[in-house]
C-alpha cells in the first residue's frame, strides 16, 4: 500500500497554510515519493484551502510520475482508512483531492 503523510497543524488562513506546508512538509512529501506512491491526509478546512491543496497535489503528481499522489481531507479515521484502501485499488487515480464525509469511501465497484 502507498504511504500516507498526515498534514497537521497548519494555520487557519489559506495563504499562511500554503506557506507553512511548503516550508515544513513539502520536502518530507518529496522524500516519501522517492520510495512509493503518497496520499497526503489533510484535516478539514474551508473552501479557501481547496485551490492550494489541489495545486500542490497536481504539481507533485506531475513532478514524480509514475508515482501516484493524492490527498484526502477528513478527521475521521474510518473514512481515511477506507479512502486509502480505495486509492490502493485504483491505480489510475492521481492528482486528486478527495473530501471525505464520516462514512468514508465505499467499496470499489468491480
C-alpha atoms as a PDB file:
ATOM      1  CA  UNK A   1       0.000   0.000   0.000  1.00  0.00           C
ATOM      2  CA  UNK A   2       1.142   3.542  -0.685  1.00  0.00           C
ATOM      3  CA  UNK A   3       2.466   5.742   2.068  1.00  0.00           C
ATOM      4  CA  UNK A   4       0.312   8.326   3.770  1.00  0.00           C
ATOM      5  CA  UNK A   5       1.503  11.548   5.346  1.00  0.00           C
ATOM      6  CA  UNK A   6      -0.608  13.324   7.950  1.00  0.00           C
ATOM      7  CA  UNK A   7      -0.574  17.082   7.431  1.00  0.00           C
ATOM      8  CA  UNK A   8      -1.458  18.685  10.762  1.00  0.00           C
ATOM      9  CA  UNK A   9      -1.052  21.989  12.497  1.00  0.00           C
ATOM     10  CA  UNK A  10      -1.416  24.292   9.513  1.00  0.00           C
ATOM     11  CA  UNK A  11      -2.677  27.851  10.090  1.00  0.00           C
ATOM     12  CA  UNK A  12      -6.377  28.568   9.533  1.00  0.00           C
ATOM     13  CA  UNK A  13      -5.755  31.175   6.816  1.00  0.00           C
ATOM     14  CA  UNK A  14      -5.255  29.586   3.391  1.00  0.00           C
ATOM     15  CA  UNK A  15      -2.241  31.658   2.305  1.00  0.00           C
ATOM     16  CA  UNK A  16      -0.456  31.067   5.601  1.00  0.00           C
ATOM     17  CA  UNK A  17      -1.311  27.361   5.457  1.00  0.00           C
ATOM     18  CA  UNK A  18       0.121  27.041   1.947  1.00  0.00           C
ATOM     19  CA  UNK A  19       3.331  28.803   3.003  1.00  0.00           C
ATOM     20  CA  UNK A  20       3.649  26.590   6.087  1.00  0.00           C
ATOM     21  CA  UNK A  21       3.081  23.437   4.014  1.00  0.00           C
ATOM     22  CA  UNK A  22       5.818  24.436   1.588  1.00  0.00           C
ATOM     23  CA  UNK A  23       8.222  25.362   4.397  1.00  0.00           C
ATOM     24  CA  UNK A  24       7.671  22.351   6.677  1.00  0.00           C
ATOM     25  CA  UNK A  25       6.107  19.465   4.771  1.00  0.00           C
ATOM     26  CA  UNK A  26       6.943  19.627   1.067  1.00  0.00           C
ATOM     27  CA  UNK A  27      10.459  18.167   1.446  1.00  0.00           C
ATOM     28  CA  UNK A  28       9.105  15.275   3.515  1.00  0.00           C
ATOM     29  CA  UNK A  29       6.445  14.578   0.865  1.00  0.00           C
ATOM     30  CA  UNK A  30       9.057  14.552  -1.890  1.00  0.00           C
ATOM     31  CA  UNK A  31      11.280  12.266   0.205  1.00  0.00           C
ATOM     32  CA  UNK A  32       8.368   9.835   0.552  1.00  0.00           C
ATOM     33  CA  UNK A  33       7.763   9.943  -3.196  1.00  0.00           C
ATOM     34  CA  UNK A  34      11.307   8.751  -3.822  1.00  0.00           C
ATOM     35  CA  UNK A  35      10.176   5.416  -2.344  1.00  0.00           C
ATOM     36  CA  UNK A  36       6.481   4.932  -3.126  1.00  0.00           C
ATOM     37  CA  UNK A  37       3.116   6.488  -4.005  1.00  0.00           C
ATOM     38  CA  UNK A  38       1.803   9.010  -1.482  1.00  0.00           C
ATOM     39  CA  UNK A  39      -1.510  10.131  -0.065  1.00  0.00           C
ATOM     40  CA  UNK A  40      -1.488  13.367   1.899  1.00  0.00           C
ATOM     41  CA  UNK A  41      -4.026  13.408   4.741  1.00  0.00           C
ATOM     42  CA  UNK A  42      -5.262  16.922   5.478  1.00  0.00           C
ATOM     43  CA  UNK A  43      -7.573  17.930   8.285  1.00  0.00           C
ATOM     44  CA  UNK A  44     -10.768  19.561   7.015  1.00  0.00           C
ATOM     45  CA  UNK A  45     -10.576  23.241   6.128  1.00  0.00           C
ATOM     46  CA  UNK A  46     -12.892  25.731   4.491  1.00  0.00           C
ATOM     47  CA  UNK A  47     -13.202  26.231   0.734  1.00  0.00           C
ATOM     48  CA  UNK A  48     -10.348  28.758   0.614  1.00  0.00           C
ATOM     49  CA  UNK A  49      -7.830  25.905   1.023  1.00  0.00           C
ATOM     50  CA  UNK A  50      -9.091  23.901  -1.957  1.00  0.00           C
ATOM     51  CA  UNK A  51      -7.013  25.707  -4.589  1.00  0.00           C
ATOM     52  CA  UNK A  52      -3.592  25.482  -2.979  1.00  0.00           C
ATOM     53  CA  UNK A  53      -4.113  21.885  -1.880  1.00  0.00           C
ATOM     54  CA  UNK A  54      -5.135  20.809  -5.367  1.00  0.00           C
ATOM     55  CA  UNK A  55      -2.229  22.721  -6.922  1.00  0.00           C
ATOM     56  CA  UNK A  56       0.280  21.025  -4.576  1.00  0.00           C
ATOM     57  CA  UNK A  57      -1.092  17.547  -5.256  1.00  0.00           C
ATOM     58  CA  UNK A  58      -1.195  18.044  -9.022  1.00  0.00           C
ATOM     59  CA  UNK A  59       2.309  19.545  -9.133  1.00  0.00           C
ATOM     60  CA  UNK A  60       3.723  16.669  -7.072  1.00  0.00           C
ATOM     61  CA  UNK A  61       1.958  14.136  -9.299  1.00  0.00           C
ATOM     62  CA  UNK A  62       3.452  15.695 -12.443  1.00  0.00           C
ATOM     63  CA  UNK A  63       6.925  16.027 -10.943  1.00  0.00           C
ATOM     64  CA  UNK A  64       7.066  12.468  -9.638  1.00  0.00           C
ATOM     65  CA  UNK A  65       5.421  10.472 -12.416  1.00  0.00           C
ATOM     66  CA  UNK A  66       4.945   7.484 -12.461  1.00  0.00           C
ATOM     67  CA  UNK A  67       4.370   7.736  -8.712  1.00  0.00           C
ATOM     68  CA  UNK A  68       0.795   8.479  -7.748  1.00  0.00           C
ATOM     69  CA  UNK A  69      -0.005  11.387  -5.435  1.00  0.00           C
ATOM     70  CA  UNK A  70      -3.427  12.094  -3.975  1.00  0.00           C
ATOM     71  CA  UNK A  71      -4.859  13.771  -0.897  1.00  0.00           C
ATOM     72  CA  UNK A  72      -7.812  13.227   1.359  1.00  0.00           C
ATOM     73  CA  UNK A  73      -9.454  15.767   3.657  1.00  0.00           C
ATOM     74  CA  UNK A  74     -11.044  14.266   6.765  1.00  0.00           C
ATOM     75  CA  UNK A  75     -10.887  13.998  10.524  1.00  0.00           C
ATOM     76  CA  UNK A  76     -12.500  10.541  10.562  1.00  0.00           C
ATOM     77  CA  UNK A  77     -10.029   7.655  10.941  1.00  0.00           C
ATOM     78  CA  UNK A  78     -12.574   5.242   9.432  1.00  0.00           C
ATOM     79  CA  UNK A  79     -13.128   7.449   6.387  1.00  0.00           C
ATOM     80  CA  UNK A  80      -9.388   7.929   5.896  1.00  0.00           C
ATOM     81  CA  UNK A  81      -8.737   4.194   6.156  1.00  0.00           C
ATOM     82  CA  UNK A  82     -11.483   3.426   3.634  1.00  0.00           C
ATOM     83  CA  UNK A  83     -10.147   6.039   1.224  1.00  0.00           C
ATOM     84  CA  UNK A  84      -6.580   4.706   1.495  1.00  0.00           C
ATOM     85  CA  UNK A  85      -7.876   1.215   0.725  1.00  0.00           C
ATOM     86  CA  UNK A  86      -9.829   2.580  -2.254  1.00  0.00           C
ATOM     87  CA  UNK A  87      -6.841   4.500  -3.624  1.00  0.00           C
ATOM     88  CA  UNK A  88      -4.586   1.441  -3.312  1.00  0.00           C
ATOM     89  CA  UNK A  89      -7.017  -0.435  -5.584  1.00  0.00           C
ATOM     90  CA  UNK A  90      -7.402   2.429  -8.086  1.00  0.00           C
ATOM     91  CA  UNK A  91      -4.073   2.631  -9.940  1.00  0.00           C
ATOM     92  CA  UNK A  92      -5.337   5.203 -12.446  1.00  0.00           C
ATOM     93  CA  UNK A  93      -6.204   7.809  -9.809  1.00  0.00           C
ATOM     94  CA  UNK A  94      -3.578  10.504  -9.247  1.00  0.00           C
ATOM     95  CA  UNK A  95      -3.511  14.251  -8.697  1.00  0.00           C
ATOM     96  CA  UNK A  96      -6.825  14.278  -6.815  1.00  0.00           C
ATOM     97  CA  UNK A  97      -8.001  15.821  -3.543  1.00  0.00           C
ATOM     98  CA  UNK A  98     -10.880  13.820  -2.064  1.00  0.00           C
ATOM     99  CA  UNK A  99     -13.033  15.477   0.594  1.00  0.00           C
ATOM    100  CA  UNK A 100     -14.497  12.709   2.757  1.00  0.00           C
ATOM    101  CA  UNK A 101     -17.550  12.596   4.938  1.00  0.00           C
ATOM    102  CA  UNK A 102     -17.849  10.491   8.073  1.00  0.00           C
ATOM    103  CA  UNK A 103     -18.808   7.439   6.019  1.00  0.00           C
ATOM    104  CA  UNK A 104     -15.555   7.325   4.027  1.00  0.00           C
ATOM    105  CA  UNK A 105     -15.088   5.830   0.614  1.00  0.00           C
ATOM    106  CA  UNK A 106     -17.366   2.984  -0.347  1.00  0.00           C
ATOM    107  CA  UNK A 107     -16.245  -0.320  -1.815  1.00  0.00           C
ATOM    108  CA  UNK A 108     -14.662  -0.333  -5.238  1.00  0.00           C
ATOM    109  CA  UNK A 109     -17.221  -1.333  -7.857  1.00  0.00           C
ATOM    110  CA  UNK A 110     -15.864  -4.288  -9.786  1.00  0.00           C
END
